[in-house]
PDB file of N, CA and C in Angstrom:
ATOM      1  N   UNK A   1     112.485  15.671 134.830  1.00  0.00           N
ATOM      2  CA  UNK A   1     111.960  14.354 134.563  1.00  0.00           C
ATOM      3  C   UNK A   1     110.550  14.290 135.147  1.00  0.00           C
ATOM      4  N   UNK A   2     109.651  13.787 134.358  1.00  0.00           N
ATOM      5  CA  UNK A   2     108.293  13.524 134.814  1.00  0.00           C
ATOM      6  C   UNK A   2     108.083  12.022 134.804  1.00  0.00           C
ATOM      7  N   UNK A   3     107.181  11.557 135.661  1.00  0.00           N
ATOM      8  CA  UNK A   3     106.862  10.136 135.623  1.00  0.00           C
ATOM      9  C   UNK A   3     105.431   9.924 136.072  1.00  0.00           C
ATOM     10  N   UNK A   4     104.875   8.832 135.635  1.00  0.00           N
ATOM     11  CA  UNK A   4     103.520   8.478 136.033  1.00  0.00           C
ATOM     12  C   UNK A   4     103.394   6.962 136.066  1.00  0.00           C
ATOM     13  N   UNK A   5     102.504   6.492 136.909  1.00  0.00           N
ATOM     14  CA  UNK A   5     102.249   5.066 137.054  1.00  0.00           C
ATOM     15  C   UNK A   5     100.875   4.770 136.492  1.00  0.00           C
ATOM     16  N   UNK A   6     100.804   3.779 135.634  1.00  0.00           N
ATOM     17  CA  UNK A   6      99.539   3.365 135.045  1.00  0.00           C
ATOM     18  C   UNK A   6      99.206   1.958 135.508  1.00  0.00           C
ATOM     19  N   UNK A   7      97.975   1.753 135.891  1.00  0.00           N
ATOM     20  CA  UNK A   7      97.504   0.397 136.136  1.00  0.00           C
ATOM     21  C   UNK A   7      96.896  -0.045 134.826  1.00  0.00           C
ATOM     22  N   UNK A   8      97.560  -0.981 134.179  1.00  0.00           N
ATOM     23  CA  UNK A   8      97.183  -1.335 132.816  1.00  0.00           C
ATOM     24  C   UNK A   8      95.834  -2.018 132.748  1.00  0.00           C
ATOM     25  N   UNK A   9      95.572  -2.908 133.681  1.00  0.00           N
ATOM     26  CA  UNK A   9      94.351  -3.701 133.592  1.00  0.00           C
ATOM     27  C   UNK A   9      94.245  -4.581 134.816  1.00  0.00           C
ATOM     28  N   UNK A  10      93.082  -5.064 135.060  1.00  0.00           N
ATOM     29  CA  UNK A  10      92.908  -6.062 136.117  1.00  0.00           C
ATOM     30  C   UNK A  10      93.458  -7.410 135.665  1.00  0.00           C
ATOM     31  N   UNK A  11      93.664  -7.550 134.367  1.00  0.00           N
ATOM     32  CA  UNK A  11      94.219  -8.785 133.803  1.00  0.00           C
ATOM     33  C   UNK A  11      95.718  -8.588 133.638  1.00  0.00           C
ATOM     34  N   UNK A  12      96.515  -9.471 134.231  1.00  0.00           N
ATOM     35  CA  UNK A  12      97.964  -9.346 134.174  1.00  0.00           C
ATOM     36  C   UNK A  12      98.503  -9.756 132.803  1.00  0.00           C
ATOM     37  N   UNK A  13      99.693  -9.244 132.487  1.00  0.00           N
ATOM     38  CA  UNK A  13     100.354  -9.628 131.244  1.00  0.00           C
ATOM     39  C   UNK A  13     100.859 -11.063 131.357  1.00  0.00           C
ATOM     40  N   UNK A  14     101.392 -11.587 130.283  1.00  0.00           N
ATOM     41  CA  UNK A  14     101.957 -12.937 130.282  1.00  0.00           C
ATOM     42  C   UNK A  14     103.054 -13.051 131.338  1.00  0.00           C
ATOM     43  N   UNK A  15     103.796 -11.975 131.560  1.00  0.00           N
ATOM     44  CA  UNK A  15     104.861 -11.973 132.567  1.00  0.00           C
ATOM     45  C   UNK A  15     104.361 -11.642 133.966  1.00  0.00           C
ATOM     46  N   UNK A  16     103.049 -11.651 134.180  1.00  0.00           N
ATOM     47  CA  UNK A  16     102.403 -11.362 135.469  1.00  0.00           C
ATOM     48  C   UNK A  16     102.568  -9.913 135.909  1.00  0.00           C
ATOM     49  N   UNK A  17     102.717  -9.006 134.960  1.00  0.00           N
ATOM     50  CA  UNK A  17     102.831  -7.585 135.272  1.00  0.00           C
ATOM     51  C   UNK A  17     101.476  -6.907 135.156  1.00  0.00           C
ATOM     52  N   UNK A  18     101.300  -5.883 135.975  1.00  0.00           N
ATOM     53  CA  UNK A  18     100.025  -5.190 135.979  1.00  0.00           C
ATOM     54  C   UNK A  18     100.189  -3.676 135.890  1.00  0.00           C
ATOM     55  N   UNK A  19     101.394  -3.189 136.139  1.00  0.00           N
ATOM     56  CA  UNK A  19     101.637  -1.746 136.186  1.00  0.00           C
ATOM     57  C   UNK A  19     102.670  -1.338 135.154  1.00  0.00           C
ATOM     58  N   UNK A  20     102.601  -0.078 134.765  1.00  0.00           N
ATOM     59  CA  UNK A  20     103.560   0.491 133.825  1.00  0.00           C
ATOM     60  C   UNK A  20     103.999   1.847 134.372  1.00  0.00           C
ATOM     61  N   UNK A  21     105.291   1.998 134.591  1.00  0.00           N
ATOM     62  CA  UNK A  21     105.869   3.252 135.053  1.00  0.00           C
ATOM     63  C   UNK A  21     106.512   3.925 133.850  1.00  0.00           C
ATOM     64  N   UNK A  22     106.108   5.160 133.569  1.00  0.00           N
ATOM     65  CA  UNK A  22     106.606   5.880 132.396  1.00  0.00           C
ATOM     66  C   UNK A  22     107.415   7.088 132.852  1.00  0.00           C
ATOM     67  N   UNK A  23     108.637   7.189 132.347  1.00  0.00           N
ATOM     68  CA  UNK A  23     109.518   8.335 132.596  1.00  0.00           C
ATOM     69  C   UNK A  23     109.574   9.180 131.331  1.00  0.00           C
ATOM     70  N   UNK A  24     109.517  10.496 131.468  1.00  0.00           N
ATOM     71  CA  UNK A  24     109.719  11.395 130.332  1.00  0.00           C
ATOM     72  C   UNK A  24     110.828  12.360 130.718  1.00  0.00           C
ATOM     73  N   UNK A  25     111.900  12.330 129.949  1.00  0.00           N
ATOM     74  CA  UNK A  25     113.084  13.126 130.236  1.00  0.00           C
ATOM     75  C   UNK A  25     113.109  14.364 129.364  1.00  0.00           C
ATOM     76  N   UNK A  26     112.905  15.522 129.944  1.00  0.00           N
ATOM     77  CA  UNK A  26     112.987  16.814 129.253  1.00  0.00           C
ATOM     78  C   UNK A  26     112.139  16.869 127.987  1.00  0.00           C
ATOM     79  N   UNK A  27     111.076  16.082 127.940  1.00  0.00           N
ATOM     80  CA  UNK A  27     110.184  16.116 126.794  1.00  0.00           C
ATOM     81  C   UNK A  27     110.725  15.463 125.536  1.00  0.00           C
ATOM     82  N   UNK A  28     111.907  14.851 125.592  1.00  0.00           N
ATOM     83  CA  UNK A  28     112.500  14.264 124.401  1.00  0.00           C
ATOM     84  C   UNK A  28     112.416  12.748 124.361  1.00  0.00           C
ATOM     85  N   UNK A  29     112.651  12.127 125.496  1.00  0.00           N
ATOM     86  CA  UNK A  29     112.724  10.670 125.525  1.00  0.00           C
ATOM     87  C   UNK A  29     111.737  10.116 126.548  1.00  0.00           C
ATOM     88  N   UNK A  30     111.142   9.003 126.217  1.00  0.00           N
ATOM     89  CA  UNK A  30     110.229   8.335 127.143  1.00  0.00           C
ATOM     90  C   UNK A  30     110.706   6.902 127.335  1.00  0.00           C
ATOM     91  N   UNK A  31     110.583   6.426 128.559  1.00  0.00           N
ATOM     92  CA  UNK A  31     110.925   5.058 128.894  1.00  0.00           C
ATOM     93  C   UNK A  31     109.755   4.462 129.656  1.00  0.00           C
ATOM     94  N   UNK A  32     109.331   3.279 129.275  1.00  0.00           N
ATOM     95  CA  UNK A  32     108.242   2.600 129.970  1.00  0.00           C
ATOM     96  C   UNK A  32     108.778   1.304 130.568  1.00  0.00           C
ATOM     97  N   UNK A  33     108.420   1.067 131.821  1.00  0.00           N
ATOM     98  CA  UNK A  33     108.843  -0.144 132.517  1.00  0.00           C
ATOM     99  C   UNK A  33     107.594  -0.818 133.073  1.00  0.00           C
ATOM    100  N   UNK A  34     107.339  -2.054 132.655  1.00  0.00           N
ATOM    101  CA  UNK A  34     106.199  -2.788 133.209  1.00  0.00           C
ATOM    102  C   UNK A  34     106.683  -3.581 134.422  1.00  0.00           C
ATOM    103  N   UNK A  35     105.813  -3.657 135.431  1.00  0.00           N
ATOM    104  CA  UNK A  35     106.190  -4.350 136.656  1.00  0.00           C
ATOM    105  C   UNK A  35     104.946  -4.883 137.354  1.00  0.00           C
ATOM    106  N   UNK A  36     105.174  -5.752 138.328  1.00  0.00           N
ATOM    107  CA  UNK A  36     104.075  -6.490 138.950  1.00  0.00           C
ATOM    108  C   UNK A  36     103.397  -5.755 140.101  1.00  0.00           C
ATOM    109  N   UNK A  37     104.187  -5.059 140.946  1.00  0.00           N
ATOM    110  CA  UNK A  37     103.614  -4.412 142.123  1.00  0.00           C
ATOM    111  C   UNK A  37     104.120  -2.982 142.262  1.00  0.00           C
ATOM    112  N   UNK A  38     103.346  -2.150 142.936  1.00  0.00           N
ATOM    113  CA  UNK A  38     103.709  -0.742 143.109  1.00  0.00           C
ATOM    114  C   UNK A  38     104.962  -0.574 143.950  1.00  0.00           C
ATOM    115  N   UNK A  39     105.239  -1.507 144.841  1.00  0.00           N
ATOM    116  CA  UNK A  39     106.408  -1.406 145.718  1.00  0.00           C
ATOM    117  C   UNK A  39     107.731  -1.456 144.956  1.00  0.00           C
ATOM    118  N   UNK A  40     107.697  -1.778 143.686  1.00  0.00           N
ATOM    119  CA  UNK A  40     108.926  -1.853 142.887  1.00  0.00           C
ATOM    120  C   UNK A  40     109.402  -0.485 142.399  1.00  0.00           C
ATOM    121  N   UNK A  41     108.624   0.558 142.618  1.00  0.00           N
ATOM    122  CA  UNK A  41     108.959   1.886 142.082  1.00  0.00           C
ATOM    123  C   UNK A  41     110.351   2.355 142.504  1.00  0.00           C
ATOM    124  N   UNK A  42     110.736   2.317 143.794  1.00  0.00           N
ATOM    125  CA  UNK A  42     112.097   2.773 144.132  1.00  0.00           C
ATOM    126  C   UNK A  42     113.188   1.972 143.432  1.00  0.00           C
ATOM    127  N   UNK A  43     113.012   0.655 143.314  1.00  0.00           N
ATOM    128  CA  UNK A  43     114.005  -0.194 142.640  1.00  0.00           C
ATOM    129  C   UNK A  43     114.117   0.189 141.162  1.00  0.00           C
ATOM    130  N   UNK A  44     112.990   0.471 140.527  1.00  0.00           N
ATOM    131  CA  UNK A  44     112.989   0.858 139.117  1.00  0.00           C
ATOM    132  C   UNK A  44     113.691   2.200 138.945  1.00  0.00           C
ATOM    133  N   UNK A  45     113.396   3.156 139.827  1.00  0.00           N
ATOM    134  CA  UNK A  45     114.066   4.451 139.782  1.00  0.00           C
ATOM    135  C   UNK A  45     115.566   4.288 139.955  1.00  0.00           C
ATOM    136  N   UNK A  46     115.982   3.472 140.912  1.00  0.00           N
ATOM    137  CA  UNK A  46     117.404   3.264 141.161  1.00  0.00           C
ATOM    138  C   UNK A  46     118.093   2.710 139.921  1.00  0.00           C
ATOM    139  N   UNK A  47     117.466   1.717 139.297  1.00  0.00           N
ATOM    140  CA  UNK A  47     118.042   1.122 138.084  1.00  0.00           C
ATOM    141  C   UNK A  47     118.104   2.147 136.946  1.00  0.00           C
ATOM    142  N   UNK A  48     117.031   2.909 136.762  1.00  0.00           N
ATOM    143  CA  UNK A  48     116.999   3.897 135.676  1.00  0.00           C
ATOM    144  C   UNK A  48     118.031   5.000 135.903  1.00  0.00           C
ATOM    145  N   UNK A  49     118.108   5.510 137.124  1.00  0.00           N
ATOM    146  CA  UNK A  49     119.056   6.590 137.400  1.00  0.00           C
ATOM    147  C   UNK A  49     120.499   6.099 137.391  1.00  0.00           C
ATOM    148  N   UNK A  50     120.725   4.830 137.735  1.00  0.00           N
ATOM    149  CA  UNK A  50     122.074   4.272 137.680  1.00  0.00           C
ATOM    150  C   UNK A  50     122.589   4.199 136.253  1.00  0.00           C
ATOM    151  N   UNK A  51     121.679   4.074 135.295  1.00  0.00           N
ATOM    152  CA  UNK A  51     122.057   3.972 133.882  1.00  0.00           C
ATOM    153  C   UNK A  51     122.084   5.331 133.183  1.00  0.00           C
ATOM    154  N   UNK A  52     121.740   6.385 133.907  1.00  0.00           N
ATOM    155  CA  UNK A  52     121.690   7.727 133.329  1.00  0.00           C
ATOM    156  C   UNK A  52     123.007   8.446 133.605  1.00  0.00           C
ATOM    157  N   UNK A  53     123.660   8.982 132.574  1.00  0.00           N
ATOM    158  CA  UNK A  53     124.902   9.728 132.809  1.00  0.00           C
ATOM    159  C   UNK A  53     124.632  10.938 133.716  1.00  0.00           C
ATOM    160  N   UNK A  54     125.627  11.305 134.521  1.00  0.00           N
ATOM    161  CA  UNK A  54     125.461  12.419 135.454  1.00  0.00           C
ATOM    162  C   UNK A  54     124.982  13.694 134.774  1.00  0.00           C
ATOM    163  N   UNK A  55     125.454  13.946 133.576  1.00  0.00           N
ATOM    164  CA  UNK A  55     125.077  15.179 132.881  1.00  0.00           C
ATOM    165  C   UNK A  55     123.616  15.179 132.437  1.00  0.00           C
ATOM    166  N   UNK A  56     122.948  14.020 132.478  1.00  0.00           N
ATOM    167  CA  UNK A  56     121.545  13.927 132.088  1.00  0.00           C
ATOM    168  C   UNK A  56     120.611  13.594 133.248  1.00  0.00           C
ATOM    169  N   UNK A  57     121.166  13.475 134.457  1.00  0.00           N
ATOM    170  CA  UNK A  57     120.307  13.167 135.605  1.00  0.00           C
ATOM    171  C   UNK A  57     119.401  14.353 135.882  1.00  0.00           C
ATOM    172  N   UNK A  58     118.169  14.084 136.269  1.00  0.00           N
ATOM    173  CA  UNK A  58     117.209  15.164 136.484  1.00  0.00           C
ATOM    174  C   UNK A  58     117.536  15.990 137.723  1.00  0.00           C
ATOM    175  N   UNK A  59     117.240  17.276 137.643  1.00  0.00           N
ATOM    176  CA  UNK A  59     117.354  18.138 138.814  1.00  0.00           C
ATOM    177  C   UNK A  59     115.995  18.325 139.464  1.00  0.00           C
ATOM    178  N   UNK A  60     114.931  18.041 138.713  1.00  0.00           N
ATOM    179  CA  UNK A  60     113.558  18.126 139.215  1.00  0.00           C
ATOM    180  C   UNK A  60     112.824  16.860 138.785  1.00  0.00           C
ATOM    181  N   UNK A  61     112.090  16.269 139.712  1.00  0.00           N
ATOM    182  CA  UNK A  61     111.263  15.104 139.403  1.00  0.00           C
ATOM    183  C   UNK A  61     109.827  15.477 139.718  1.00  0.00           C
ATOM    184  N   UNK A  62     108.943  15.351 138.731  1.00  0.00           N
ATOM    185  CA  UNK A  62     107.543  15.726 138.902  1.00  0.00           C
ATOM    186  C   UNK A  62     106.662  14.490 138.966  1.00  0.00           C
ATOM    187  N   UNK A  63     105.662  14.583 139.826  1.00  0.00           N
ATOM    188  CA  UNK A  63     104.711  13.491 139.988  1.00  0.00           C
ATOM    189  C   UNK A  63     103.389  14.089 140.449  1.00  0.00           C
ATOM    190  N   UNK A  64     102.354  13.269 140.483  1.00  0.00           N
ATOM    191  CA  UNK A  64     101.068  13.759 140.971  1.00  0.00           C
ATOM    192  C   UNK A  64     100.909  13.539 142.477  1.00  0.00           C
ATOM    193  N   UNK A  65     101.985  13.191 143.163  1.00  0.00           N
ATOM    194  CA  UNK A  65     102.034  13.039 144.629  1.00  0.00           C
ATOM    195  C   UNK A  65     101.162  11.916 145.174  1.00  0.00           C
ATOM    196  N   UNK A  66     100.894  10.921 144.383  1.00  0.00           N
ATOM    197  CA  UNK A  66     100.170   9.758 144.900  1.00  0.00           C
ATOM    198  C   UNK A  66     101.028   9.087 145.970  1.00  0.00           C
ATOM    199  N   UNK A  67     100.394   8.427 146.886  1.00  0.00           N
ATOM    200  CA  UNK A  67     101.083   7.863 148.053  1.00  0.00           C
ATOM    201  C   UNK A  67     102.248   6.940 147.681  1.00  0.00           C
ATOM    202  N   UNK A  68     102.067   6.108 146.665  1.00  0.00           N
ATOM    203  CA  UNK A  68     103.144   5.170 146.308  1.00  0.00           C
ATOM    204  C   UNK A  68     104.356   5.862 145.699  1.00  0.00           C
ATOM    205  N   UNK A  69     104.209   7.127 145.331  1.00  0.00           N
ATOM    206  CA  UNK A  69     105.333   7.872 144.765  1.00  0.00           C
ATOM    207  C   UNK A  69     105.886   8.889 145.753  1.00  0.00           C
ATOM    208  N   UNK A  70     105.456   8.825 146.985  1.00  0.00           N
ATOM    209  CA  UNK A  70     105.912   9.757 148.011  1.00  0.00           C
ATOM    210  C   UNK A  70     106.345   8.955 149.237  1.00  0.00           C
ATOM    211  N   UNK A  71     107.350   8.106 149.050  1.00  0.00           N
ATOM    212  CA  UNK A  71     107.807   7.232 150.131  1.00  0.00           C
ATOM    213  C   UNK A  71     109.236   7.574 150.541  1.00  0.00           C
ATOM    214  N   UNK A  72     109.602   7.144 151.737  1.00  0.00           N
ATOM    215  CA  UNK A  72     110.977   7.334 152.211  1.00  0.00           C
ATOM    216  C   UNK A  72     111.967   6.616 151.296  1.00  0.00           C
ATOM    217  N   UNK A  73     111.583   5.429 150.817  1.00  0.00           N
ATOM    218  CA  UNK A  73     112.479   4.643 149.959  1.00  0.00           C
ATOM    219  C   UNK A  73     112.766   5.383 148.650  1.00  0.00           C
ATOM    220  N   UNK A  74     111.744   5.971 148.047  1.00  0.00           N
ATOM    221  CA  UNK A  74     111.954   6.696 146.795  1.00  0.00           C
ATOM    222  C   UNK A  74     112.772   7.961 147.036  1.00  0.00           C
ATOM    223  N   UNK A  75     112.495   8.662 148.121  1.00  0.00           N
ATOM    224  CA  UNK A  75     113.293   9.858 148.429  1.00  0.00           C
ATOM    225  C   UNK A  75     114.760   9.496 148.651  1.00  0.00           C
ATOM    226  N   UNK A  76     115.018   8.356 149.288  1.00  0.00           N
ATOM    227  CA  UNK A  76     116.407   7.907 149.501  1.00  0.00           C
ATOM    228  C   UNK A  76     117.096   7.624 148.165  1.00  0.00           C
ATOM    229  N   UNK A  77     116.391   7.001 147.236  1.00  0.00           N
ATOM    230  CA  UNK A  77     116.960   6.737 145.903  1.00  0.00           C
ATOM    231  C   UNK A  77     117.285   8.055 145.200  1.00  0.00           C
ATOM    232  N   UNK A  78     116.376   9.011 145.270  1.00  0.00           N
ATOM    233  CA  UNK A  78     116.603  10.295 144.609  1.00  0.00           C
ATOM    234  C   UNK A  78     117.800  11.025 145.234  1.00  0.00           C
ATOM    235  N   UNK A  79     117.935  10.953 146.556  1.00  0.00           N
ATOM    236  CA  UNK A  79     119.103  11.574 147.222  1.00  0.00           C
ATOM    237  C   UNK A  79     120.395  10.880 146.791  1.00  0.00           C
ATOM    238  N   UNK A  80     120.351   9.570 146.659  1.00  0.00           N
ATOM    239  CA  UNK A  80     121.518   8.792 146.252  1.00  0.00           C
ATOM    240  C   UNK A  80     122.036   9.237 144.884  1.00  0.00           C
ATOM    241  N   UNK A  81     121.142   9.596 144.004  1.00  0.00           N
ATOM    242  CA  UNK A  81     121.531   9.944 142.627  1.00  0.00           C
ATOM    243  C   UNK A  81     121.550  11.441 142.383  1.00  0.00           C
ATOM    244  N   UNK A  82     121.569  12.208 143.424  1.00  0.00           N
ATOM    245  CA  UNK A  82     121.550  13.669 143.315  1.00  0.00           C
ATOM    246  C   UNK A  82     122.782  14.198 142.645  1.00  0.00           C
TER     247      UNK A  82
END
């Protein structure tokens, strides 16, 4: 699974969102989640992985190692869904 965070714009959406987190699973499926703040990343991961069947859960998660994607909270979520 690969993922990346995009800052869409300085102008928020109608729902007050400013960020978009994109997941790509084995190059076949993509999921985009818009959200308001970067701190929501672990919660979004938890929700996405909770809805993923065990046989499709990622064994490797790739990122560009930006600070908001390298937190204790996100590592705890990934361990939870291992």
